[in-house]
Amino acid sequence: MGLVVVGFGLLNITIWYLILDKLIYTPEHMRRGLEFLGLTLVPKGMEPGHKLVEITTTMITFGMGASTQALFARVGGGIYTKAADIGADMVGKVEAGIPEDDPRNPATIADNVGDNVGDVAGMGADLFESYCNSILATAALGTALSVSVLAEKGMDPLKAVLAPTLVAGLGIVLSIVGIFLVRCRKDATQKNLLHALLRGTLSSSVLIIIAYGHIASYKQKCCRHIRCNHTGPFDCTGYCNSCPVPRASCPEGESANGLFGFGIGCHYRSGKIQTSFAGS
């Protein structure tokens, strides 16, 4: 599902950019203006330098639509899942006296459908929204900066639009390489399986660090861009999701467990801020 989410995300962003660039914000429309049903799509006499700003700002609405769809998929899927789960448990355990998720209970089918809606479709929509919004927001901010500041240095504003898309596409290719590096034996233990998954993740991270370093330094020095991109792989997410977890399973009870987990989250936020500040 992960490759489908990122693939459709990049495909949609690319298609919408080509439509806006080749069909809407054409030189003829920028000179004469373009209206549709009384709405001004392209203002008359728009300067060519503001074309990319208008395109990236318009494409943010695509991310807003993806966020709305993800909201309904997550919330609606969660409600459906919980309703089906409660209904199946009440009928099976209370009335019929059969175990949970027993195939003799027809409501178990509805429970499984609810799990697919909430945990598969809802999570996929949520990832799609986050992935697209991160690319579109970066392109919009980079374009606005390039028009106001970087244009004075002779830099092409189009690079600000292509940079996040290029990094995302490069990440997809190197993630596929990491997938093929996940290998283990048939009699592998859980520890071996986790190490195999970690090997694929670390391999993709190292490859994208090397590849992006070559791309960013091509024909010009972009050390700051390289540092900003490299703060992601060196983030402390993996540590906070692995090492403190056994200590979080404390025997004091649910309240202490919740407070300990909240403290781990605060430490992670602090590390995230520090790595982002170091790369800026």
Protein backbone atom coordinates (compact mmCIF):
# COMPACT_ATOMS: atom_id res chain seq x y z
CA MET A 1 0.00 0.00 0.00
CA GLY A 2 2.88 2.37 0.70
CA LEU A 3 4.12 2.43 -2.89
CA VAL A 4 0.56 2.90 -4.15
CA VAL A 5 0.05 5.91 -1.85
CA VAL A 6 3.25 7.71 -2.82
CA GLY A 7 2.88 6.74 -6.49
CA PHE A 8 -0.63 8.15 -6.80
CA GLY A 9 0.40 11.20 -4.78
CA LEU A 10 3.24 12.13 -7.12
CA LEU A 11 1.12 11.26 -10.17
CA ASN A 12 -1.72 13.55 -9.08
CA ILE A 13 0.63 16.42 -8.24
CA THR A 14 2.39 16.08 -11.60
CA ILE A 15 -0.86 15.95 -13.58
CA TRP A 16 -2.31 19.00 -11.84
CA TYR A 17 0.90 20.96 -12.36
CA LEU A 18 0.91 20.16 -16.08
CA ILE A 19 -2.76 21.15 -16.41
CA LEU A 20 -2.21 24.48 -14.67
CA ASP A 21 1.05 25.19 -16.51
CA LYS A 22 0.06 24.16 -20.04
CA LEU A 23 -3.71 24.86 -20.15
CA ILE A 24 -4.57 27.51 -17.54
CA TYR A 25 -1.60 29.83 -16.97
CA THR A 26 -0.61 30.19 -20.63
CA PRO A 27 0.99 33.40 -21.98
CA GLU A 28 -2.26 34.24 -23.78
CA HIS A 29 -4.38 33.85 -20.64
CA MET A 30 -1.86 35.78 -18.57
CA ARG A 31 -2.06 38.68 -21.01
CA ARG A 32 -5.85 38.75 -21.56
CA GLY A 33 -7.07 37.04 -18.39
CA LEU A 34 -9.26 33.96 -17.98
CA GLU A 35 -12.71 33.74 -16.42
CA PHE A 36 -15.03 30.78 -15.86
CA LEU A 37 -18.64 31.13 -14.65
CA GLY A 38 -17.91 34.64 -13.42
CA LEU A 39 -14.80 33.56 -11.49
CA THR A 40 -11.41 35.01 -12.39
CA LEU A 41 -9.01 32.12 -12.84
CA VAL A 42 -6.14 34.14 -14.29
CA PRO A 43 -6.03 37.91 -13.68
CA LYS A 44 -5.50 40.15 -16.69
CA GLY A 45 -1.95 41.38 -17.19
CA MET A 46 -0.36 38.97 -14.72
CA GLU A 47 3.42 39.16 -14.64
CA PRO A 48 5.31 36.05 -15.80
CA GLY A 49 7.38 36.07 -12.62
CA HIS A 50 4.28 35.34 -10.51
CA LYS A 51 3.17 32.36 -12.58
CA LEU A 52 4.78 29.72 -10.38
CA VAL A 53 3.52 31.44 -7.24
CA GLU A 54 -0.05 31.27 -8.53
CA ILE A 55 0.33 27.64 -9.62
CA THR A 56 1.76 26.42 -6.31
CA THR A 57 -0.78 28.41 -4.32
CA THR A 58 -3.61 26.92 -6.37
CA MET A 59 -2.24 23.40 -5.93
CA ILE A 60 -2.45 23.76 -2.15
CA THR A 61 -6.22 23.34 -2.57
CA PHE A 62 -5.48 19.80 -3.77
CA GLY A 63 -3.89 19.12 -0.40
CA MET A 64 -6.92 20.60 1.33
CA GLY A 65 -9.18 18.22 -0.58
CA ALA A 66 -6.95 15.28 0.35
CA SER A 67 -7.12 16.35 4.01
CA THR A 68 -10.92 16.49 3.89
CA GLN A 69 -11.13 13.04 2.32
CA ALA A 70 -8.68 11.64 4.88
CA LEU A 71 -10.74 13.11 7.72
CA PHE A 72 -13.90 11.35 6.58
CA ALA A 73 -12.04 8.09 5.88
CA ARG A 74 -10.38 8.07 9.30
CA VAL A 75 -13.34 9.22 11.38
CA GLY A 76 -15.96 7.33 9.39
CA GLY A 77 -13.85 4.19 9.33
CA GLY A 78 -13.24 4.39 13.08
CA ILE A 79 -16.94 4.79 13.84
CA TYR A 80 -17.85 1.89 11.56
CA THR A 81 -15.13 -0.30 13.08
CA LYS A 82 -16.15 0.36 16.67
CA ALA A 83 -19.86 -0.07 15.96
CA ALA A 84 -19.27 -3.39 14.19
CA ASP A 85 -16.91 -4.58 16.94
CA ILE A 86 -19.34 -3.78 19.74
CA GLY A 87 -22.24 -5.33 17.84
CA ALA A 88 -20.31 -8.53 17.13
CA ASP A 89 -19.19 -8.86 20.76
CA MET A 90 -22.67 -8.25 22.16
CA VAL A 91 -24.30 -10.81 19.88
CA GLY A 92 -21.53 -13.39 20.10
CA LYS A 93 -20.43 -13.27 23.73
CA VAL A 94 -23.55 -12.09 25.53
CA GLU A 95 -26.39 -13.67 23.58
CA ALA A 96 -24.93 -16.69 21.77
CA GLY A 97 -22.07 -17.46 24.17
CA ILE A 98 -19.47 -18.06 21.45
CA PRO A 99 -15.87 -16.77 21.48
CA GLU A 100 -14.78 -13.48 20.00
CA ASP A 101 -14.19 -13.37 16.23
CA ASP A 102 -15.73 -16.80 15.84
CA PRO A 103 -16.60 -17.62 12.20
CA ARG A 104 -20.01 -18.84 13.32
CA ASN A 105 -20.93 -15.25 14.16
CA PRO A 106 -22.09 -13.40 11.00
CA ALA A 107 -21.30 -10.06 12.65
CA THR A 108 -17.61 -11.00 12.54
CA ILE A 109 -17.70 -10.30 8.80
CA ALA A 110 -18.87 -6.74 9.49
CA ASP A 111 -16.14 -6.41 12.11
CA ASN A 112 -13.47 -7.44 9.59
CA VAL A 113 -14.89 -5.02 7.03
CA GLY A 114 -14.71 -2.24 9.61
CA ASP A 115 -11.08 -3.09 10.36
CA ASN A 116 -10.26 -2.84 6.66
CA VAL A 117 -12.07 0.48 6.32
CA GLY A 118 -10.43 2.10 9.32
CA ASP A 119 -6.99 0.50 9.40
CA VAL A 120 -6.31 0.15 5.65
CA ALA A 121 -8.37 2.69 3.71
CA GLY A 122 -8.32 5.29 6.49
CA MET A 123 -4.60 4.97 7.12
CA GLY A 124 -3.86 5.07 3.39
CA ALA A 125 -5.89 8.27 2.99
CA ASP A 126 -4.13 9.79 5.99
CA LEU A 127 -0.70 8.98 4.57
CA PHE A 128 -1.74 10.28 1.15
CA GLU A 129 -2.82 13.59 2.69
CA SER A 130 0.39 14.02 4.70
CA TYR A 131 2.61 13.07 1.76
CA CYS A 132 0.95 15.43 -0.73
CA ASN A 133 0.71 18.34 1.69
CA SER A 134 4.39 18.11 2.60
CA ILE A 135 5.38 18.33 -1.08
CA LEU A 136 2.92 21.11 -1.96
CA ALA A 137 3.72 23.24 1.09
CA THR A 138 7.46 22.97 0.42
CA ALA A 139 6.98 23.93 -3.23
CA ALA A 140 4.78 26.93 -2.32
CA LEU A 141 7.22 28.23 0.30
CA GLY A 142 10.22 27.69 -1.96
CA THR A 143 8.55 29.48 -4.87
CA ALA A 144 7.57 32.47 -2.75
CA LEU A 145 11.13 32.70 -1.43
CA SER A 146 12.65 32.35 -4.88
CA VAL A 147 10.53 35.16 -6.31
CA SER A 148 11.25 37.60 -3.49
CA VAL A 149 14.84 36.76 -2.52
CA LEU A 150 16.55 34.19 -4.71
CA ALA A 151 15.61 35.89 -8.00
CA GLU A 152 18.08 38.64 -7.15
CA LYS A 153 20.85 36.00 -7.13
CA GLY A 154 19.90 34.69 -10.56
CA MET A 155 18.40 31.37 -9.37
CA ASP A 156 15.59 29.75 -11.35
CA PRO A 157 12.29 29.69 -9.39
CA LEU A 158 11.34 26.47 -11.18
CA LYS A 159 13.95 24.64 -9.11
CA ALA A 160 11.97 25.42 -5.97
CA VAL A 161 8.96 23.60 -7.46
CA LEU A 162 10.91 20.64 -8.79
CA ALA A 163 13.10 20.12 -5.71
CA PRO A 164 10.51 18.55 -3.34
CA THR A 165 9.04 16.47 -6.16
CA LEU A 166 12.51 15.27 -7.16
CA VAL A 167 13.38 14.33 -3.59
CA ALA A 168 10.07 12.47 -3.22
CA GLY A 169 10.58 10.56 -6.46
CA LEU A 170 14.14 9.73 -5.49
CA GLY A 171 12.86 8.44 -2.16
CA ILE A 172 10.41 6.12 -3.92
CA VAL A 173 13.14 4.58 -6.08
CA LEU A 174 15.53 4.08 -3.17
CA SER A 175 12.72 2.71 -0.99
CA ILE A 176 12.14 0.02 -3.62
CA VAL A 177 15.84 -0.81 -3.36
CA GLY A 178 15.45 -1.07 0.41
CA ILE A 179 12.47 -3.41 0.00
CA PHE A 180 14.58 -5.86 -1.99
CA LEU A 181 17.21 -5.77 0.76
CA VAL A 182 14.72 -7.11 3.33
CA ARG A 183 15.57 -10.82 3.38
CA CYS A 184 15.44 -13.46 6.12
CA ARG A 185 15.39 -17.22 6.56
CA LYS A 186 12.26 -19.31 6.82
CA ASP A 187 13.03 -20.23 10.44
CA ALA A 188 13.75 -16.61 11.42
CA THR A 189 12.79 -15.42 14.87
CA GLN A 190 11.03 -12.16 15.64
CA LYS A 191 14.38 -10.53 16.36
CA ASN A 192 15.68 -11.58 12.93
CA LEU A 193 12.56 -10.18 11.26
CA LEU A 194 12.95 -6.84 13.01
CA HIS A 195 16.62 -6.68 12.04
CA ALA A 196 15.70 -7.41 8.41
CA LEU A 197 13.19 -4.55 8.39
CA LEU A 198 15.71 -2.25 10.05
CA ARG A 199 18.31 -3.17 7.43
CA GLY A 200 15.98 -2.10 4.63
CA THR A 201 15.14 1.19 6.35
CA LEU A 202 18.74 2.08 7.13
CA SER A 203 19.89 1.13 3.63
CA SER A 204 17.30 3.43 2.03
CA SER A 205 18.23 6.26 4.41
CA VAL A 206 21.93 5.99 3.62
CA LEU A 207 21.28 5.82 -0.12
CA ILE A 208 19.04 8.90 -0.11
CA ILE A 209 21.63 10.84 1.90
CA ILE A 210 24.30 10.05 -0.69
CA ALA A 211 22.04 10.62 -3.71
CA TYR A 212 20.60 13.91 -2.49
CA GLY A 213 24.05 15.16 -1.60
CA HIS A 214 25.14 14.70 -5.22
CA ILE A 215 21.95 16.29 -6.59
CA ALA A 216 22.02 19.34 -4.32
CA SER A 217 25.70 20.05 -4.96
CA TYR A 218 25.41 19.72 -8.74
CA LYS A 219 26.67 22.93 -10.43
CA GLN A 220 26.25 24.93 -7.21
CA LYS A 221 26.92 24.56 -3.53
CA CYS A 222 23.75 23.92 -1.55
CA CYS A 223 25.16 22.84 1.79
CA ARG A 224 22.24 24.30 3.72
CA HIS A 225 19.76 22.34 1.61
CA ILE A 226 21.78 19.18 2.20
CA ARG A 227 21.76 19.71 5.96
CA CYS A 228 18.01 20.32 6.01
CA ASN A 229 17.35 17.12 4.07
CA HIS A 230 19.69 15.06 6.24
CA THR A 231 17.94 15.97 9.50
CA GLY A 232 15.15 13.51 8.63
CA PRO A 233 17.17 10.27 8.61
CA PHE A 234 19.02 11.32 11.77
CA ASP A 235 15.80 12.01 13.64
CA CYS A 236 15.20 10.31 16.98
CA THR A 237 11.90 8.68 15.97
CA GLY A 238 13.41 5.21 15.77
CA TYR A 239 14.94 5.52 19.23
CA CYS A 240 11.75 6.72 20.88
CA ASN A 241 9.77 3.90 19.27
CA SER A 242 12.17 1.12 20.27
CA CYS A 243 14.51 1.56 23.23
CA PRO A 244 12.22 3.21 25.85
CA VAL A 245 9.27 0.90 25.06
CA PRO A 246 10.27 -1.95 27.43
CA ARG A 247 10.75 0.56 30.25
CA ALA A 248 7.37 2.11 29.44
CA SER A 249 5.69 -1.22 30.22
CA CYS A 250 6.00 -0.50 33.92
CA PRO A 251 4.10 -2.51 36.57
CA GLU A 252 2.78 0.57 38.39
CA GLY A 253 -0.45 0.70 36.40
CA GLU A 254 -2.13 2.51 33.55
CA SER A 255 -1.70 6.03 34.97
CA ALA A 256 2.06 5.75 35.39
CA ASN A 257 2.27 4.11 31.98
CA GLY A 258 0.45 7.04 30.38
CA LEU A 259 2.67 9.61 32.09
CA PHE A 260 5.81 7.72 31.06
CA GLY A 261 4.63 7.61 27.45
CA PHE A 262 3.83 11.33 27.56
CA GLY A 263 7.36 12.02 28.81
CA ILE A 264 8.85 9.99 25.96
CA GLY A 265 6.79 12.06 23.52
CA CYS A 266 8.12 15.30 25.02
CA HIS A 267 11.70 14.05 24.71
CA TYR A 268 11.05 13.13 21.08
CA ARG A 269 9.65 16.61 20.38
CA SER A 270 12.73 18.18 21.94
CA GLY A 271 15.02 16.07 19.77
CA LYS A 272 12.98 16.89 16.68
CA ILE A 273 13.30 20.63 17.32
CA GLN A 274 17.04 20.34 17.92
CA THR A 275 17.70 18.37 14.72
CA SER A 276 15.55 20.77 12.67
CA PHE A 277 17.37 23.77 14.16
CA ALA A 278 20.75 22.17 13.45
CA GLY A 279 19.84 21.65 9.80
CA SER A 280 18.47 25.15 9.19
